[in-house]
Amino acid sequence: MKYGFVIDNRKCIGCHACTTACKSEHDVPVGVNRTWVKQVEKGEFPDTRRLFSVMRCNHCTDAPCVEICPTEALYIRKDGIVDFDKDRCIGCKSCMQACPYDALYIDPETSTAAKCNYCAHRIDVGLEPACVNVCPEHAIISGDMEDETTEIAQLLARQAVNVRKPEKGTQPNLFYIGADEVSLNPTATPRTGEYLWNGQTTGVGHFAKEAEKLAFSNGDVITSLLEAEKQYSSAGEIAKNGPQKSIELIMGKEAKRVYDTPDKGILWGWEVSAYVFTKAISAGAFLVPFIALLFGWANPDAAISWWSYGLGLFFLTATGILLIMDLDQPKRFFYVLLRPHWGSWLVKGGYAITAYGGLLTALGTALYFGWDFLQMWLSWMTAIVAAIVAVYTAFLFAQAKGRDFWQSPTLAIHMLVHSLMAGAAAFMIIGLFTNGGADWMTYLKYLLFSSIGMNLVTLLFELTTTHPTVDAGRVSNMITKGQYSKLFYGGVILLGNLIPVGLLIMSAGNPMLMAAAGALVLLGIYFTEHIWVEAPQRIPLT
């Protein structure tokens, strides 16, 4: 048994009865939707048409939201319905990043994730979903796709159907008949502003205040009119037609959205960027002296060891605090450890962080009591866990299949290199207050040199190689040529990499110059993580 939906776009009239019925059935708050009708206008006046496409959860066979959920708040029933348990949800928003179809939202009243659940409570008593019952044109068909006697199975057998984003490999169970690519593909039509009846009025969690300002509003209209002046060769065209007519001429050249769900904004904000940053320092604080001892490149004394354990624990604590701050249900943070879904890298990372904190504490205890026989074994175990702490977020981001740029195969290298950079930079700053010896400072200098070089090569690879999808390429252009380009070239490349190299060359062992280089490197790492976390979230998923 496997339930699914067929949306017959040949019949849909865009009446929004399905949206209204869904809101009524589930008490969905204003400003968020479990199902909605996206409207796109296509053509050039007077030969135009309006396309209607019902959007909702695709109840995927290989649901990425289920895979990434750390507490099994999302799960697949035996009948194929992807359902959720709000009492287990911690509001981490990972599912929203994983869903390529923008089907999930944070309920502003419960601060937990929600979505279309196929009206599972109705299915269990032999009824159809509310949207199916209310549709006046029978444009929404539901049922068991594996039962050959059902209408949905017969439609799928004899009609040509489309799904959204088949390249994601999620095997969606929502099919469209007579769909148009400009309606199903979110990049085919730019978001053009606030649409009729769908303004965000109640907020959707703590990130509502950070919601993106959509294009084509206020000053953007003036910009578009100036573009129209170029397109139509003279300002006289605007004067003759008037501003509104000129806008219609501009937009009439391509498909445009006229109704859509509200933008959810940046789901993972500064807390996530900061947590990736503090995590890098924490892991690097141990890995840097460990590598020095392992290869005999320096011999850190007891003071450096205390700094290593202290820095590791301090920034690990900061990492945990930032993780909890980002949750919309922060009081449930312990669910990650007590109700774990082991397929989620958020759980694996949570346990790695916990183990790392315990091992650092054990090492500090062994150092205090002089238990030398324990330190070697504990150091190896701690180094392995520290490396996992440094890179696990790359695998978590890879589970966020909705964000193509995060699927980069070099993201783990990116984060490991940042940990080495951050550790070396932190110890250079500490060099102002403690003397680790000439060999230690020389080691830090060359380690930072080499890690900066590796970092620049990694960034070059991530941004210049051919990207597998259009959305990943758009993010790369956004970083190198768009709204993040100034911060990238000025803050990341110049301030965070090139100037520190110059300071290290001039330092000649001067602790002030080395500390300045370390501080700039840390600043550059934070700028990098901010861009890498935020920029991919600006690509629309629906």
Protein backbone atom coordinates (compact mmCIF):
# COMPACT_ATOMS: atom_id res chain seq x y z
CA MET A 1 0.00 0.00 0.00
CA LYS A 2 1.31 3.43 -0.94
CA TYR A 3 -0.77 6.57 -0.88
CA GLY A 4 -0.11 9.45 -3.25
CA PHE A 5 -1.67 12.45 -4.96
CA VAL A 6 -2.36 13.35 -8.58
CA ILE A 7 -2.97 17.03 -9.36
CA ASP A 8 -4.78 17.47 -12.66
CA ASN A 9 -3.71 20.93 -13.83
CA ARG A 10 -6.15 20.69 -16.73
CA LYS A 11 -9.00 20.97 -14.24
CA CYS A 12 -7.61 23.24 -11.49
CA ILE A 13 -9.31 26.67 -11.51
CA GLY A 14 -7.24 28.23 -8.73
CA CYS A 15 -10.17 28.64 -6.35
CA HIS A 16 -8.05 27.93 -3.24
CA ALA A 17 -10.75 25.71 -1.77
CA CYS A 18 -8.05 23.12 -0.98
CA THR A 19 -6.02 25.70 0.93
CA THR A 20 -9.05 26.82 2.91
CA ALA A 21 -10.20 23.28 3.67
CA CYS A 22 -6.70 22.35 4.85
CA LYS A 23 -6.51 25.37 7.14
CA SER A 24 -9.92 24.56 8.58
CA GLU A 25 -9.21 20.86 9.06
CA HIS A 26 -5.88 21.39 10.83
CA ASP A 27 -6.29 24.88 12.34
CA VAL A 28 -3.33 26.11 10.30
CA PRO A 29 -2.40 29.66 11.44
CA VAL A 30 -2.49 32.68 9.15
CA GLY A 31 0.82 33.21 7.36
CA VAL A 32 1.74 29.55 6.86
CA ASN A 33 0.24 26.85 4.64
CA ARG A 34 0.21 23.08 4.41
CA THR A 35 -1.18 23.31 0.90
CA TRP A 36 -1.43 26.32 -1.39
CA VAL A 37 -2.01 27.18 -5.03
CA LYS A 38 0.89 28.81 -6.82
CA GLN A 39 -0.21 30.99 -9.73
CA VAL A 40 2.00 31.89 -12.67
CA GLU A 41 1.13 34.06 -15.67
CA LYS A 42 2.74 33.13 -18.97
CA GLY A 43 2.77 34.75 -22.36
CA GLU A 44 2.60 38.28 -23.73
CA PHE A 45 -0.52 40.42 -23.72
CA PRO A 46 -3.05 39.72 -25.14
CA ASP A 47 -1.96 36.07 -25.60
CA THR A 48 -1.55 35.13 -21.96
CA ARG A 49 -2.66 32.36 -19.65
CA ARG A 50 -2.64 31.76 -15.92
CA LEU A 51 -1.30 28.47 -14.60
CA PHE A 52 -2.39 26.96 -11.29
CA SER A 53 -0.30 24.41 -9.40
CA VAL A 54 -1.22 22.95 -6.04
CA MET A 55 1.88 22.80 -3.82
CA ARG A 56 2.33 20.65 -0.72
CA CYS A 57 4.35 17.82 0.79
CA ASN A 58 5.27 15.25 -1.86
CA HIS A 59 5.22 12.31 0.62
CA CYS A 60 8.49 11.08 -0.84
CA THR A 61 9.43 7.43 -0.79
CA ASP A 62 12.98 8.50 0.10
CA ALA A 63 12.05 11.49 2.24
CA PRO A 64 15.11 13.64 3.11
CA CYS A 65 13.16 15.36 5.91
CA VAL A 66 12.78 11.99 7.67
CA GLU A 67 16.44 11.17 7.18
CA ILE A 68 17.70 14.42 8.71
CA CYS A 69 15.20 14.72 11.59
CA PRO A 70 17.20 14.12 14.80
CA THR A 71 14.29 12.98 17.00
CA GLU A 72 12.10 10.93 14.63
CA ALA A 73 9.47 13.66 14.80
CA LEU A 74 9.03 12.96 11.08
CA TYR A 75 8.42 9.39 10.00
CA ILE A 76 7.03 7.34 7.12
CA ARG A 77 3.95 5.25 7.88
CA LYS A 78 3.43 1.77 6.47
CA ASP A 79 1.00 3.23 3.91
CA GLY A 80 3.67 5.63 2.59
CA ILE A 81 2.32 8.78 4.24
CA VAL A 82 5.03 11.05 5.69
CA ASP A 83 3.60 12.12 9.04
CA PHE A 84 4.96 14.09 12.00
CA ASP A 85 4.75 14.15 15.78
CA LYS A 86 4.89 17.71 17.06
CA ASP A 87 5.52 16.47 20.62
CA ARG A 88 8.96 15.15 19.56
CA CYS A 89 9.97 18.16 17.41
CA ILE A 90 12.73 20.40 18.75
CA GLY A 91 12.30 23.10 16.10
CA CYS A 92 15.79 22.69 14.59
CA LYS A 93 14.47 23.45 11.07
CA SER A 94 16.71 20.78 9.55
CA CYS A 95 13.69 19.23 7.84
CA MET A 96 12.93 22.56 6.17
CA GLN A 97 16.45 22.69 4.77
CA ALA A 98 16.25 19.08 3.61
CA CYS A 99 12.93 19.35 1.79
CA PRO A 100 13.50 20.36 -1.86
CA TYR A 101 9.82 21.34 -2.14
CA ASP A 102 9.52 23.94 0.66
CA ALA A 103 6.68 21.89 2.15
CA LEU A 104 7.47 22.38 5.85
CA TYR A 105 7.08 25.38 8.10
CA ILE A 106 7.42 26.26 11.77
CA ASP A 107 3.99 26.64 13.33
CA PRO A 108 4.01 30.07 15.05
CA GLU A 109 1.71 28.78 17.80
CA THR A 110 3.55 25.56 18.73
CA SER A 111 7.06 26.45 17.53
CA THR A 112 7.30 23.01 15.94
CA ALA A 113 7.53 21.84 12.34
CA ALA A 114 4.36 21.00 10.44
CA LYS A 115 3.26 20.13 6.91
CA CYS A 116 0.62 18.27 4.92
CA ASN A 117 0.20 14.83 6.50
CA TYR A 118 -2.33 13.55 3.95
CA CYS A 119 -5.04 14.06 6.58
CA ALA A 120 -3.83 10.79 8.10
CA HIS A 121 -6.53 10.94 10.81
CA ARG A 122 -9.16 10.90 8.06
CA ILE A 123 -7.45 8.10 6.13
CA ASP A 124 -7.43 5.97 9.29
CA VAL A 125 -11.26 6.08 9.42
CA GLY A 126 -11.80 5.51 5.70
CA LEU A 127 -12.19 9.13 4.57
CA GLU A 128 -10.33 11.08 1.90
CA PRO A 129 -8.15 14.13 2.64
CA ALA A 130 -10.13 17.33 3.18
CA CYS A 131 -8.68 18.98 0.07
CA VAL A 132 -9.88 16.10 -2.11
CA ASN A 133 -13.41 16.30 -0.74
CA VAL A 134 -13.73 20.04 -1.24
CA CYS A 135 -12.19 20.42 -4.73
CA PRO A 136 -15.09 21.45 -7.03
CA GLU A 137 -13.36 20.22 -10.21
CA HIS A 138 -11.99 16.91 -8.91
CA ALA A 139 -8.53 18.21 -9.74
CA ILE A 140 -6.97 16.50 -6.70
CA ILE A 141 -7.04 12.70 -6.76
CA SER A 142 -5.80 10.61 -3.83
CA GLY A 143 -5.61 6.93 -3.08
CA ASP A 144 -3.51 3.78 -2.98
CA MET A 145 -1.23 3.86 -6.03
CA GLU A 146 -0.45 0.15 -5.70
CA ASP A 147 -4.12 -0.87 -5.96
CA GLU A 148 -4.89 -1.22 -9.67
CA THR A 149 -8.61 -0.66 -9.06
CA THR A 150 -8.17 2.88 -7.69
CA GLU A 151 -8.64 5.97 -9.83
CA ILE A 152 -5.17 7.27 -9.00
CA ALA A 153 -3.51 4.02 -10.13
CA GLN A 154 -5.43 4.08 -13.40
CA LEU A 155 -4.54 7.73 -14.04
CA LEU A 156 -0.86 7.04 -13.42
CA ALA A 157 -1.03 4.09 -15.81
CA ARG A 158 -2.51 5.95 -18.77
CA GLN A 159 -1.57 9.64 -18.32
CA ALA A 160 1.76 11.39 -18.79
CA VAL A 161 2.71 12.88 -15.42
CA ASN A 162 5.40 15.16 -14.04
CA VAL A 163 6.98 15.48 -10.62
CA ARG A 164 8.88 18.34 -9.10
CA LYS A 165 12.68 18.11 -9.02
CA PRO A 166 13.09 14.44 -10.02
CA GLU A 167 16.86 14.96 -10.03
CA LYS A 168 16.79 15.03 -6.22
CA GLY A 169 16.11 11.30 -6.13
CA THR A 170 13.43 11.61 -3.45
CA GLN A 171 10.87 9.59 -5.46
CA PRO A 172 7.99 12.02 -4.79
CA ASN A 173 4.47 10.62 -4.68
CA LEU A 174 2.80 13.82 -5.83
CA PHE A 175 2.21 13.77 -9.60
CA TYR A 176 0.99 16.48 -11.96
CA ILE A 177 -1.01 16.04 -15.15
CA GLY A 178 -0.65 18.85 -17.69
CA ALA A 179 1.91 20.73 -15.61
CA ASP A 180 4.04 23.52 -17.05
CA GLU A 181 7.74 23.74 -16.24
CA VAL A 182 7.52 27.44 -15.37
CA SER A 183 5.04 26.60 -12.65
CA LEU A 184 6.86 23.61 -11.15
CA ASN A 185 10.41 24.98 -11.39
CA PRO A 186 11.03 27.62 -8.68
CA THR A 187 13.90 29.21 -10.62
CA ALA A 188 11.80 29.69 -13.77
CA THR A 189 9.95 32.64 -12.22
CA PRO A 190 11.60 35.12 -9.85
CA ARG A 191 9.87 36.15 -6.65
CA THR A 192 8.52 39.58 -7.47
CA GLY A 193 7.07 40.89 -4.22
CA GLU A 194 4.25 40.51 -1.76
CA TYR A 195 1.31 38.79 -3.41
CA LEU A 196 -2.41 39.26 -2.90
CA TRP A 197 -3.76 37.74 0.36
CA ASN A 198 -0.56 36.03 1.41
CA GLY A 199 1.28 38.59 3.56
CA GLN A 200 3.09 37.24 6.60
CA THR A 201 1.02 38.45 9.54
CA THR A 202 1.84 36.19 12.47
CA GLY A 203 5.44 35.14 11.90
CA VAL A 204 6.79 31.66 11.54
CA GLY A 205 9.20 31.24 14.42
CA HIS A 206 12.12 33.24 15.69
CA PHE A 207 13.46 33.79 12.16
CA ALA A 208 10.35 35.68 11.00
CA LYS A 209 12.01 39.01 11.74
CA GLU A 210 14.80 38.04 9.36
CA ALA A 211 12.49 37.22 6.44
CA GLU A 212 13.92 38.40 3.18
CA LYS A 213 12.60 41.55 1.57
CA LEU A 214 11.28 40.38 -1.74
CA ALA A 215 12.34 41.99 -4.98
CA PHE A 216 10.31 44.36 -7.13
CA SER A 217 9.07 46.58 -4.30
CA ASN A 218 9.57 50.28 -3.71
CA GLY A 219 12.96 51.24 -5.19
CA ASP A 220 13.14 48.05 -7.24
CA VAL A 221 10.27 49.33 -9.38
CA ILE A 222 12.32 52.38 -10.28
CA THR A 223 15.25 50.15 -11.17
CA SER A 224 13.01 48.05 -13.39
CA LEU A 225 11.73 51.16 -15.14
CA LEU A 226 15.28 52.23 -15.85
CA GLU A 227 15.93 48.79 -17.31
CA ALA A 228 12.80 49.26 -19.42
CA GLU A 229 14.24 52.50 -20.71
CA LYS A 230 17.22 50.57 -22.06
CA GLN A 231 15.09 47.72 -23.38
CA TYR A 232 12.76 49.94 -25.32
CA SER A 233 15.54 52.26 -26.47
CA SER A 234 14.12 55.52 -25.15
CA ALA A 235 12.45 57.03 -22.14
CA GLY A 236 9.66 58.06 -24.47
CA GLU A 237 8.29 54.52 -24.38
CA ILE A 238 7.79 54.86 -20.62
CA ALA A 239 6.27 58.31 -21.01
CA LYS A 240 3.86 57.07 -23.67
CA ASN A 241 2.70 53.95 -21.85
CA GLY A 242 2.91 55.15 -18.25
CA PRO A 243 4.79 53.43 -15.41
CA GLN A 244 2.26 50.62 -14.87
CA LYS A 245 2.07 49.75 -18.56
CA SER A 246 5.86 49.76 -18.75
CA ILE A 247 6.04 47.27 -15.88
CA GLU A 248 3.55 45.08 -17.72
CA LEU A 249 5.72 45.28 -20.83
CA ILE A 250 8.79 44.25 -18.87
CA MET A 251 7.15 41.37 -17.06
CA GLY A 252 5.14 40.27 -20.05
CA LYS A 253 8.27 39.09 -21.79
CA GLU A 254 8.57 36.11 -19.42
CA ALA A 255 6.50 34.06 -17.00
CA LYS A 256 5.86 35.71 -13.64
CA ARG A 257 4.38 34.70 -10.32
CA VAL A 258 1.17 36.38 -9.30
CA TYR A 259 0.35 34.33 -6.20
CA ASP A 260 2.60 32.29 -3.95
CA THR A 261 3.21 31.26 -0.36
CA PRO A 262 5.03 33.78 1.89
CA ASP A 263 8.80 33.66 1.93
CA LYS A 264 10.12 31.93 5.06
CA GLY A 265 13.31 33.97 5.07
CA ILE A 266 16.65 32.76 6.41
CA LEU A 267 15.95 29.61 8.42
CA TRP A 268 19.43 29.16 9.89
CA GLY A 269 20.67 32.59 10.90
CA TRP A 270 23.68 33.97 12.77
CA GLU A 271 23.43 31.32 15.48
CA VAL A 272 24.34 28.56 13.01
CA SER A 273 27.15 30.59 11.45
CA ALA A 274 28.53 31.32 14.93
CA TYR A 275 28.20 27.70 16.03
CA VAL A 276 30.20 26.47 13.02
CA PHE A 277 32.81 29.11 13.92
CA THR A 278 33.07 28.26 17.65
CA LYS A 279 33.11 24.55 16.82
CA ALA A 280 36.10 25.12 14.54
CA ILE A 281 38.02 26.86 17.31
CA SER A 282 37.15 24.16 19.84
CA ALA A 283 38.27 21.30 17.58
CA GLY A 284 41.37 23.16 16.38
CA ALA A 285 42.42 23.99 19.94
CA PHE A 286 43.16 20.31 20.51
CA LEU A 287 44.19 19.21 17.02
CA VAL A 288 46.91 21.85 16.60
CA PRO A 289 49.09 20.81 19.60
CA PHE A 290 48.28 17.12 18.98
CA ILE A 291 49.64 17.33 15.41
CA ALA A 292 52.75 19.12 16.71
CA LEU A 293 53.49 16.26 19.11
CA LEU A 294 52.54 13.55 16.62
CA PHE A 295 55.04 14.68 13.98
CA GLY A 296 57.62 16.13 16.35
CA TRP A 297 57.30 19.61 14.87
CA ALA A 298 57.11 21.23 18.33
CA ASN A 299 56.96 20.21 21.97
CA PRO A 300 54.08 22.06 23.68
CA ASP A 301 54.58 22.43 27.42
CA ALA A 302 52.02 21.90 30.18
CA ALA A 303 50.79 25.48 29.89
CA ILE A 304 49.91 24.95 26.21
CA SER A 305 48.10 21.74 27.17
CA TRP A 306 46.01 23.58 29.75
CA TRP A 307 45.21 26.26 27.18
CA SER A 308 44.28 23.53 24.70
CA TYR A 309 41.81 21.85 27.06
CA GLY A 310 40.46 25.15 28.35
CA LEU A 311 39.90 26.65 24.89
CA GLY A 312 38.37 23.41 23.67
CA LEU A 313 35.86 23.27 26.53
CA PHE A 314 35.06 26.99 26.47
CA PHE A 315 34.26 27.12 22.76
CA LEU A 316 32.55 23.73 22.91
CA THR A 317 30.23 25.14 25.57
CA ALA A 318 29.61 28.18 23.36
CA THR A 319 28.81 25.81 20.49
CA GLY A 320 26.22 24.01 22.59
CA ILE A 321 24.63 27.26 23.72
CA LEU A 322 24.37 28.52 20.14
CA LEU A 323 22.84 25.22 19.00
CA ILE A 324 20.20 25.48 21.71
CA MET A 325 19.55 29.14 20.89
CA ASP A 326 18.77 28.22 17.29
CA LEU A 327 16.07 25.75 18.32
CA ASP A 328 12.47 26.93 18.30
CA GLN A 329 11.87 24.48 21.15
CA PRO A 330 15.07 25.00 23.18
CA LYS A 331 13.72 23.21 26.27
CA ARG A 332 13.67 19.98 24.25
CA PHE A 333 17.34 20.07 23.24
CA PHE A 334 18.07 16.90 25.24
CA TYR A 335 15.73 14.96 22.91
CA VAL A 336 18.67 14.79 20.50
CA LEU A 337 20.49 12.54 22.98
CA LEU A 338 17.54 10.79 24.63
CA ARG A 339 15.27 10.25 21.60
CA PRO A 340 17.83 9.97 18.82
CA HIS A 341 17.35 9.11 15.19
CA TRP A 342 20.75 7.67 14.34
CA GLY A 343 20.40 8.39 10.63
CA SER A 344 20.63 12.13 11.33
CA TRP A 345 24.04 13.77 11.44
CA LEU A 346 22.63 16.22 13.97
CA VAL A 347 22.41 13.29 16.41
CA LYS A 348 25.86 11.97 15.49
CA GLY A 349 27.25 15.46 15.94
CA GLY A 350 25.47 15.89 19.26
CA TYR A 351 27.01 12.71 20.61
CA ALA A 352 30.41 13.66 19.17
CA ILE A 353 30.26 17.02 20.95
CA THR A 354 29.26 15.32 24.20
CA ALA A 355 32.07 12.77 23.91
CA TYR A 356 34.58 15.49 23.02
CA GLY A 357 33.66 17.47 26.11
CA GLY A 358 34.02 14.37 28.29
CA LEU A 359 37.40 13.46 26.80
CA LEU A 360 38.79 16.98 27.24
CA THR A 361 37.67 16.88 30.87
CA ALA A 362 39.32 13.48 31.32
CA LEU A 363 42.56 14.77 29.79
CA GLY A 364 42.56 17.77 32.08
CA THR A 365 42.04 15.47 35.05
CA ALA A 366 44.87 13.17 33.92
CA LEU A 367 47.20 16.15 33.47
CA TYR A 368 46.32 17.55 36.92
CA PHE A 369 46.97 14.26 38.71
CA GLY A 370 49.97 13.32 36.56
CA TRP A 371 48.44 10.17 35.11
CA ASP A 372 50.82 9.99 32.18
CA PHE A 373 49.83 6.41 31.30
CA LEU A 374 46.32 7.63 30.40
CA GLN A 375 47.24 10.72 28.45
CA MET A 376 48.54 8.99 25.30
CA TRP A 377 45.43 6.85 24.81
CA LEU A 378 43.09 9.66 25.75
CA SER A 379 44.89 12.00 23.34
CA TRP A 380 44.39 9.65 20.40
CA MET A 381 40.71 9.15 21.21
CA THR A 382 40.22 12.90 21.66
CA ALA A 383 41.95 13.67 18.35
CA ILE A 384 39.66 11.31 16.47
CA VAL A 385 36.54 12.77 18.09
CA ALA A 386 37.83 16.33 17.58
CA ALA A 387 38.18 15.64 13.84
CA ILE A 388 34.60 14.33 13.78
CA VAL A 389 33.41 17.44 15.61
CA ALA A 390 35.24 19.59 13.06
CA VAL A 391 33.67 18.00 9.98
CA TYR A 392 30.31 16.48 10.96
CA THR A 393 28.42 19.64 10.00
CA ALA A 394 29.48 19.08 6.39
CA PHE A 395 27.59 15.78 6.41
CA LEU A 396 24.62 17.42 8.12
CA PHE A 397 24.55 20.06 5.39
CA ALA A 398 24.80 17.31 2.79
CA GLN A 399 21.59 15.83 4.23
CA ALA A 400 19.92 19.21 3.60
CA LYS A 401 19.07 18.22 0.03
CA GLY A 402 17.03 21.34 -0.56
CA ARG A 403 20.24 23.42 -0.64
CA ASP A 404 22.31 22.37 -3.65
CA PHE A 405 25.42 24.40 -2.77
CA TRP A 406 25.84 22.45 0.48
CA GLN A 407 26.23 19.23 -1.49
CA SER A 408 29.84 20.14 -2.32
CA PRO A 409 32.21 17.17 -1.88
CA THR A 410 34.87 19.52 -0.47
CA LEU A 411 32.78 20.90 2.37
CA ALA A 412 34.29 18.46 4.89
CA ILE A 413 37.80 19.53 3.82
CA HIS A 414 36.68 23.16 4.06
CA MET A 415 35.62 22.66 7.71
CA LEU A 416 38.67 20.63 8.73
CA VAL A 417 41.01 23.26 7.28
CA HIS A 418 39.09 25.97 9.11
CA SER A 419 39.58 24.07 12.37
CA LEU A 420 43.35 24.01 11.86
CA MET A 421 43.36 27.69 10.90
CA ALA A 422 41.20 28.61 13.90
CA GLY A 423 43.33 26.59 16.34
CA ALA A 424 46.60 28.08 15.12
CA ALA A 425 45.11 31.59 15.10
CA ALA A 426 43.77 31.21 18.65
CA PHE A 427 47.18 30.06 19.96
CA MET A 428 48.86 33.01 18.23
CA ILE A 429 46.61 35.36 20.18
CA ILE A 430 47.34 33.43 23.38
CA GLY A 431 51.05 33.94 22.59
CA LEU A 432 50.62 37.47 23.89
CA PHE A 433 50.04 36.08 27.39
CA THR A 434 52.20 32.95 27.50
CA ASN A 435 55.55 31.84 26.13
CA GLY A 436 55.33 28.48 24.40
CA GLY A 437 58.86 28.63 23.08
CA ALA A 438 60.40 29.57 19.74
CA ASP A 439 59.76 26.17 18.16
CA TRP A 440 56.07 26.36 19.12
CA MET A 441 55.59 29.82 17.60
CA THR A 442 57.48 28.79 14.46
CA TYR A 443 55.25 25.74 14.16
CA LEU A 444 52.11 27.89 14.51
CA LYS A 445 53.41 30.27 11.86
CA TYR A 446 54.04 27.56 9.27
CA LEU A 447 50.84 25.69 10.14
CA LEU A 448 48.83 28.87 9.59
CA PHE A 449 50.69 29.54 6.33
CA SER A 450 49.92 26.09 4.97
CA SER A 451 46.31 26.00 6.19
CA ILE A 452 45.61 29.41 4.60
CA GLY A 453 46.99 28.02 1.35
CA MET A 454 44.78 24.95 1.62
CA ASN A 455 41.83 27.17 2.45
CA LEU A 456 42.30 29.32 -0.65
CA VAL A 457 42.61 26.23 -2.86
CA THR A 458 39.44 24.78 -1.33
CA LEU A 459 37.51 28.02 -1.85
CA LEU A 460 38.76 28.19 -5.41
CA PHE A 461 37.57 24.64 -6.06
CA GLU A 462 34.16 25.22 -4.42
CA LEU A 463 33.45 28.38 -6.38
CA THR A 464 35.03 27.87 -9.80
CA THR A 465 34.44 24.24 -10.72
CA THR A 466 31.40 23.42 -12.80
CA HIS A 467 28.43 23.07 -10.50
CA PRO A 468 26.08 20.11 -10.99
CA THR A 469 22.91 22.19 -10.70
CA VAL A 470 21.73 25.64 -11.71
CA ASP A 471 20.92 26.56 -8.09
CA ALA A 472 24.46 25.72 -6.90
CA GLY A 473 25.84 27.87 -9.69
CA ARG A 474 23.55 30.72 -8.72
CA VAL A 475 24.87 30.64 -5.16
CA SER A 476 28.45 30.68 -6.45
CA ASN A 477 27.64 33.73 -8.58
CA MET A 478 25.93 35.34 -5.59
CA ILE A 479 29.17 34.96 -3.63
CA THR A 480 31.63 36.00 -6.33
CA LYS A 481 29.58 38.53 -8.31
CA GLY A 482 26.40 39.30 -6.36
CA GLN A 483 25.30 40.57 -2.99
CA TYR A 484 28.01 38.73 -1.02
CA SER A 485 30.91 39.64 -3.30
CA LYS A 486 32.13 42.63 -1.25
CA LEU A 487 32.13 40.66 1.97
CA PHE A 488 33.77 37.71 0.22
CA TYR A 489 36.60 39.58 -1.48
CA GLY A 490 37.09 42.21 1.23
CA GLY A 491 36.33 40.24 4.39
CA VAL A 492 37.22 36.66 3.48
CA ILE A 493 40.00 36.85 0.88
CA LEU A 494 41.75 40.13 1.76
CA LEU A 495 41.13 40.56 5.49
CA GLY A 496 40.97 36.91 6.47
CA ASN A 497 43.67 35.37 4.26
CA LEU A 498 45.97 37.70 2.32
CA ILE A 499 46.65 40.34 4.99
CA PRO A 500 47.42 37.66 7.63
CA VAL A 501 49.93 36.12 5.21
CA GLY A 502 51.60 39.50 4.88
CA LEU A 503 51.66 39.98 8.66
CA LEU A 504 53.17 36.55 9.18
CA ILE A 505 55.90 37.27 6.64
CA MET A 506 56.74 40.54 8.40
CA SER A 507 56.38 39.18 11.94
CA ALA A 508 59.91 37.73 12.42
CA GLY A 509 58.64 36.24 15.68
CA ASN A 510 56.94 39.46 16.81
CA PRO A 511 54.02 38.27 19.00
CA MET A 512 51.94 41.39 18.31
CA LEU A 513 52.02 40.89 14.54
CA MET A 514 51.34 37.19 14.89
CA ALA A 515 48.42 37.87 17.23
CA ALA A 516 47.04 40.43 14.75
CA ALA A 517 47.31 37.85 11.97
CA GLY A 518 45.48 35.32 14.14
CA ALA A 519 42.68 37.75 14.95
CA LEU A 520 42.16 38.57 11.27
CA VAL A 521 42.13 34.87 10.36
CA LEU A 522 39.40 34.23 12.92
CA LEU A 523 37.41 37.14 11.55
CA GLY A 524 37.80 35.79 8.01
CA ILE A 525 36.63 32.35 9.10
CA TYR A 526 33.48 33.81 10.61
CA PHE A 527 32.76 35.81 7.45
CA THR A 528 33.23 32.64 5.38
CA GLU A 529 30.87 30.58 7.52
CA HIS A 530 28.29 33.38 7.48
CA ILE A 531 28.31 33.46 3.68
CA TRP A 532 28.35 29.67 3.27
CA VAL A 533 25.41 29.26 5.67
CA GLU A 534 23.25 32.15 4.50
CA ALA A 535 23.75 32.45 0.73
CA PRO A 536 22.33 29.02 -0.24
CA GLN A 537 19.18 29.81 1.73
CA ARG A 538 18.37 32.69 -0.59
CA ILE A 539 17.54 30.31 -3.43
CA PRO A 540 13.74 29.77 -3.54
CA LEU A 541 12.56 26.17 -3.19
CA THR A 542 9.05 26.73 -4.55
